[in-house]
Amino acid sequence: MKQTELRFVENFKAYERFFLSRGKEKVLKIVILYLAETRQPNITVSFEHEGYAWFTFSEAMKVMARYPDNIKILTTASDFLKKGSPRPKLHNNLPPLSAK
């Protein structure tokens, strides 16, 4: 996808933090989510991803039903788009990471 084929929605950024288990070790995973739009129906994803799918809001709510934090982000993103005005960044009530 060319950079000109993707438009990021300004003033929206959400963070999701969780731990993964790698053997006996717990690893902190941080996911930063943005809103963007494209008219391209076919997307190429990196090796880090298993795939992608396009969903309506109600379909996405069903798919994400097992993940309460993701439901919160999805609902916040939907509200943000409906209002069309800048809102504070959603951080899932977690403190910001300190730089080291």
N, C-alpha and C. Protein backbone atom coordinates (compact mmCIF):
# COMPACT_ATOMS: atom_id res chain seq x y z
N MET A 1 0.84 -1.17 0.00
CA MET A 1 0.00 0.00 0.00
C MET A 1 0.89 1.24 0.00
N LYS A 2 0.55 2.17 -0.82
CA LYS A 2 1.30 3.43 -0.88
C LYS A 2 0.85 4.34 0.27
N GLN A 3 1.76 5.18 0.72
CA GLN A 3 1.45 6.11 1.81
C GLN A 3 0.25 6.99 1.45
N THR A 4 0.10 7.32 0.18
CA THR A 4 -1.00 8.18 -0.25
C THR A 4 -2.35 7.46 -0.22
N GLU A 5 -2.33 6.13 -0.03
CA GLU A 5 -3.58 5.36 -0.01
C GLU A 5 -4.10 5.11 1.41
N LEU A 6 -3.45 5.71 2.39
CA LEU A 6 -3.86 5.54 3.78
C LEU A 6 -3.92 6.91 4.44
N ARG A 7 -5.04 7.20 5.08
CA ARG A 7 -5.20 8.48 5.78
C ARG A 7 -5.48 8.20 7.26
N PHE A 8 -4.58 8.68 8.12
CA PHE A 8 -4.77 8.52 9.56
C PHE A 8 -5.75 9.57 10.06
N VAL A 9 -6.62 9.16 10.98
CA VAL A 9 -7.57 10.07 11.61
C VAL A 9 -6.83 10.78 12.74
N GLU A 10 -6.80 12.09 12.69
CA GLU A 10 -6.05 12.87 13.68
C GLU A 10 -6.68 12.79 15.07
N ASN A 11 -5.83 12.92 16.07
CA ASN A 11 -6.23 13.05 17.48
C ASN A 11 -6.79 11.78 18.11
N PHE A 12 -6.51 10.63 17.51
CA PHE A 12 -6.93 9.38 18.16
C PHE A 12 -5.73 8.45 18.24
N LYS A 13 -5.46 8.00 19.46
CA LYS A 13 -4.42 7.00 19.72
C LYS A 13 -4.85 6.25 20.97
N ALA A 14 -4.77 4.93 20.93
CA ALA A 14 -5.12 4.11 22.09
C ALA A 14 -3.99 3.12 22.35
N TYR A 15 -3.83 2.78 23.62
CA TYR A 15 -2.79 1.84 24.02
C TYR A 15 -3.43 0.63 24.66
N GLU A 16 -2.86 -0.52 24.37
CA GLU A 16 -3.26 -1.74 25.05
C GLU A 16 -1.98 -2.38 25.58
N ARG A 17 -1.97 -2.72 26.85
CA ARG A 17 -0.80 -3.35 27.47
C ARG A 17 -1.23 -4.65 28.11
N PHE A 18 -0.43 -5.67 27.90
CA PHE A 18 -0.70 -6.96 28.52
C PHE A 18 0.58 -7.77 28.55
N PHE A 19 0.56 -8.87 29.30
CA PHE A 19 1.73 -9.73 29.40
C PHE A 19 1.48 -11.01 28.62
N LEU A 20 2.53 -11.46 27.93
CA LEU A 20 2.54 -12.74 27.24
C LEU A 20 3.47 -13.68 27.99
N SER A 21 3.18 -14.95 27.93
CA SER A 21 4.08 -15.93 28.51
C SER A 21 4.95 -16.53 27.42
N ARG A 22 6.24 -16.48 27.63
CA ARG A 22 7.21 -17.14 26.75
C ARG A 22 7.98 -18.11 27.62
N GLY A 23 7.51 -19.35 27.64
CA GLY A 23 8.08 -20.32 28.57
C GLY A 23 7.71 -19.90 29.98
N LYS A 24 8.72 -19.74 30.82
CA LYS A 24 8.49 -19.30 32.20
C LYS A 24 8.55 -17.79 32.35
N GLU A 25 8.92 -17.13 31.28
CA GLU A 25 9.11 -15.67 31.31
C GLU A 25 7.82 -14.95 30.90
N LYS A 26 7.52 -13.87 31.61
CA LYS A 26 6.40 -12.99 31.24
C LYS A 26 6.98 -11.79 30.51
N VAL A 27 6.39 -11.47 29.34
CA VAL A 27 6.89 -10.38 28.51
C VAL A 27 5.78 -9.34 28.36
N LEU A 28 6.12 -8.08 28.64
CA LEU A 28 5.16 -6.99 28.48
C LEU A 28 4.99 -6.69 26.99
N LYS A 29 3.76 -6.66 26.55
CA LYS A 29 3.43 -6.33 25.15
C LYS A 29 2.64 -5.03 25.16
N ILE A 30 3.06 -4.08 24.34
CA ILE A 30 2.35 -2.80 24.22
C ILE A 30 1.91 -2.66 22.78
N VAL A 31 0.62 -2.45 22.60
CA VAL A 31 0.05 -2.26 21.27
C VAL A 31 -0.47 -0.83 21.19
N ILE A 32 -0.07 -0.10 20.17
CA ILE A 32 -0.56 1.26 19.96
C ILE A 32 -1.51 1.21 18.77
N LEU A 33 -2.71 1.69 18.99
CA LEU A 33 -3.75 1.63 17.96
C LEU A 33 -4.09 3.02 17.45
N TYR A 34 -4.21 3.12 16.15
CA TYR A 34 -4.58 4.36 15.48
C TYR A 34 -5.81 4.10 14.63
N LEU A 35 -6.51 5.15 14.27
CA LEU A 35 -7.60 5.05 13.30
C LEU A 35 -7.07 5.53 11.95
N ALA A 36 -7.40 4.79 10.92
CA ALA A 36 -6.99 5.17 9.56
C ALA A 36 -8.05 4.67 8.60
N GLU A 37 -8.06 5.25 7.42
CA GLU A 37 -8.99 4.79 6.40
C GLU A 37 -8.27 4.66 5.06
N THR A 38 -8.81 3.78 4.24
CA THR A 38 -8.28 3.57 2.90
C THR A 38 -9.42 3.14 1.99
N ARG A 39 -9.22 3.31 0.73
CA ARG A 39 -10.17 2.81 -0.27
C ARG A 39 -9.64 1.52 -0.90
N GLN A 40 -8.46 1.09 -0.45
CA GLN A 40 -7.86 -0.13 -0.96
C GLN A 40 -8.53 -1.35 -0.31
N PRO A 41 -9.13 -2.24 -1.06
CA PRO A 41 -9.77 -3.42 -0.46
C PRO A 41 -8.77 -4.51 -0.07
N ASN A 42 -7.60 -4.53 -0.70
CA ASN A 42 -6.60 -5.56 -0.43
C ASN A 42 -5.41 -4.96 0.30
N ILE A 43 -5.08 -5.59 1.42
CA ILE A 43 -4.02 -5.10 2.28
C ILE A 43 -2.94 -6.18 2.39
N THR A 44 -1.70 -5.77 2.46
CA THR A 44 -0.59 -6.68 2.71
C THR A 44 -0.10 -6.41 4.13
N VAL A 45 -0.05 -7.46 4.94
CA VAL A 45 0.41 -7.30 6.32
C VAL A 45 1.80 -7.91 6.48
N SER A 46 2.52 -7.46 7.50
CA SER A 46 3.87 -7.94 7.75
C SER A 46 3.86 -9.35 8.33
N PHE A 47 5.03 -9.93 8.45
CA PHE A 47 5.17 -11.28 9.00
C PHE A 47 4.67 -11.38 10.44
N GLU A 48 4.56 -10.25 11.13
CA GLU A 48 4.12 -10.25 12.53
C GLU A 48 2.61 -10.51 12.66
N HIS A 49 1.90 -10.46 11.56
CA HIS A 49 0.44 -10.58 11.59
C HIS A 49 -0.02 -11.84 10.89
N GLU A 50 -1.14 -12.36 11.34
CA GLU A 50 -1.71 -13.56 10.73
C GLU A 50 -2.68 -13.21 9.61
N GLY A 51 -3.15 -12.00 9.57
CA GLY A 51 -4.09 -11.61 8.53
C GLY A 51 -4.84 -10.35 8.93
N TYR A 52 -5.90 -10.09 8.22
CA TYR A 52 -6.74 -8.93 8.50
C TYR A 52 -8.16 -9.24 8.04
N ALA A 53 -9.08 -8.41 8.44
CA ALA A 53 -10.48 -8.57 8.00
C ALA A 53 -11.17 -7.22 8.13
N TRP A 54 -12.18 -7.00 7.34
CA TRP A 54 -13.01 -5.80 7.41
C TRP A 54 -14.31 -6.17 8.10
N PHE A 55 -14.70 -5.38 9.10
CA PHE A 55 -15.92 -5.63 9.87
C PHE A 55 -16.75 -4.37 10.00
N THR A 56 -18.06 -4.55 10.09
CA THR A 56 -18.91 -3.45 10.53
C THR A 56 -18.70 -3.32 12.04
N PHE A 57 -19.19 -2.24 12.63
CA PHE A 57 -19.04 -2.06 14.07
C PHE A 57 -19.68 -3.22 14.83
N SER A 58 -20.91 -3.60 14.46
CA SER A 58 -21.60 -4.67 15.19
C SER A 58 -20.89 -6.01 15.02
N GLU A 59 -20.34 -6.28 13.85
CA GLU A 59 -19.57 -7.51 13.64
C GLU A 59 -18.31 -7.50 14.50
N ALA A 60 -17.63 -6.36 14.54
CA ALA A 60 -16.41 -6.25 15.34
C ALA A 60 -16.71 -6.44 16.82
N MET A 61 -17.83 -5.91 17.29
CA MET A 61 -18.22 -6.09 18.69
C MET A 61 -18.40 -7.57 19.02
N LYS A 62 -18.97 -8.33 18.10
CA LYS A 62 -19.15 -9.77 18.32
C LYS A 62 -17.81 -10.50 18.32
N VAL A 63 -16.96 -10.16 17.37
CA VAL A 63 -15.65 -10.80 17.28
C VAL A 63 -14.81 -10.52 18.52
N MET A 64 -14.90 -9.31 19.04
CA MET A 64 -14.07 -8.90 20.17
C MET A 64 -14.73 -9.12 21.53
N ALA A 65 -15.88 -9.74 21.57
CA ALA A 65 -16.66 -9.88 22.80
C ALA A 65 -15.87 -10.47 23.97
N ARG A 66 -14.90 -11.31 23.70
CA ARG A 66 -14.12 -11.94 24.78
C ARG A 66 -13.04 -11.04 25.33
N TYR A 67 -12.87 -9.86 24.75
CA TYR A 67 -11.77 -8.98 25.13
C TYR A 67 -12.30 -7.61 25.57
N PRO A 68 -12.63 -7.46 26.86
CA PRO A 68 -13.24 -6.22 27.35
C PRO A 68 -12.44 -4.96 27.04
N ASP A 69 -11.11 -5.01 27.14
CA ASP A 69 -10.30 -3.82 26.84
C ASP A 69 -10.44 -3.41 25.38
N ASN A 70 -10.51 -4.39 24.49
CA ASN A 70 -10.67 -4.10 23.07
C ASN A 70 -12.06 -3.55 22.77
N ILE A 71 -13.07 -4.03 23.48
CA ILE A 71 -14.43 -3.49 23.32
C ILE A 71 -14.43 -2.02 23.71
N LYS A 72 -13.74 -1.69 24.79
CA LYS A 72 -13.66 -0.29 25.25
C LYS A 72 -12.99 0.58 24.18
N ILE A 73 -11.90 0.10 23.61
CA ILE A 73 -11.20 0.85 22.57
C ILE A 73 -12.07 0.99 21.33
N LEU A 74 -12.72 -0.08 20.93
CA LEU A 74 -13.60 -0.06 19.75
C LEU A 74 -14.75 0.92 19.94
N THR A 75 -15.36 0.90 21.11
CA THR A 75 -16.47 1.82 21.41
C THR A 75 -15.99 3.27 21.43
N THR A 76 -14.83 3.51 22.04
CA THR A 76 -14.27 4.85 22.08
C THR A 76 -13.96 5.35 20.67
N ALA A 77 -13.40 4.48 19.83
CA ALA A 77 -13.09 4.85 18.44
C ALA A 77 -14.37 5.18 17.68
N SER A 78 -15.40 4.38 17.87
CA SER A 78 -16.68 4.62 17.20
C SER A 78 -17.28 5.95 17.64
N ASP A 79 -17.28 6.20 18.94
CA ASP A 79 -17.80 7.48 19.46
C ASP A 79 -17.00 8.65 18.90
N PHE A 80 -15.68 8.50 18.86
CA PHE A 80 -14.80 9.53 18.32
C PHE A 80 -15.17 9.86 16.88
N LEU A 81 -15.37 8.84 16.06
CA LEU A 81 -15.71 9.05 14.66
C LEU A 81 -17.10 9.68 14.49
N LYS A 82 -18.05 9.28 15.33
CA LYS A 82 -19.40 9.84 15.25
C LYS A 82 -19.42 11.32 15.60
N LYS A 83 -18.64 11.70 16.60
CA LYS A 83 -18.62 13.10 17.05
C LYS A 83 -17.79 13.97 16.13
N GLY A 84 -16.78 13.39 15.51
CA GLY A 84 -15.96 14.13 14.57
C GLY A 84 -15.16 15.26 15.17
N SER A 85 -14.96 15.22 16.49
CA SER A 85 -14.19 16.29 17.12
C SER A 85 -13.07 15.68 17.94
N PRO A 86 -12.00 16.45 18.15
CA PRO A 86 -10.87 15.93 18.92
C PRO A 86 -11.29 15.54 20.33
N ARG A 87 -10.76 14.43 20.79
CA ARG A 87 -10.99 13.96 22.15
C ARG A 87 -9.67 13.55 22.75
N PRO A 88 -9.61 13.45 24.05
CA PRO A 88 -8.35 13.03 24.68
C PRO A 88 -7.96 11.63 24.21
N LYS A 89 -6.66 11.36 24.21
CA LYS A 89 -6.17 10.04 23.84
C LYS A 89 -6.60 9.03 24.88
N LEU A 90 -6.99 7.84 24.44
CA LEU A 90 -7.42 6.77 25.33
C LEU A 90 -6.20 5.95 25.75
N HIS A 91 -5.96 5.86 27.03
CA HIS A 91 -4.81 5.12 27.53
C HIS A 91 -5.23 3.95 28.41
N ASN A 92 -6.48 3.57 28.41
CA ASN A 92 -6.96 2.46 29.23
C ASN A 92 -6.61 2.64 30.70
N ASN A 93 -6.61 3.89 31.16
CA ASN A 93 -6.34 4.22 32.56
C ASN A 93 -5.00 3.71 33.06
N LEU A 94 -4.04 3.52 32.17
CA LEU A 94 -2.71 3.10 32.57
C LEU A 94 -1.78 4.30 32.54
N PRO A 95 -0.84 4.36 33.46
CA PRO A 95 0.11 5.49 33.45
C PRO A 95 1.02 5.38 32.23
N PRO A 96 1.52 6.53 31.75
CA PRO A 96 2.42 6.48 30.61
C PRO A 96 3.73 5.78 30.98
N LEU A 97 4.33 5.17 29.97
CA LEU A 97 5.62 4.52 30.20
C LEU A 97 6.69 5.58 30.36
N SER A 98 7.60 5.38 31.29
CA SER A 98 8.68 6.33 31.46
C SER A 98 9.82 5.95 30.51
N ALA A 99 10.47 6.96 29.98
CA ALA A 99 11.60 6.72 29.08
C ALA A 99 12.80 6.27 29.90
N LYS A 100 13.54 5.30 29.37
CA LYS A 100 14.74 4.79 30.08
C LYS A 100 15.93 4.96 29.22
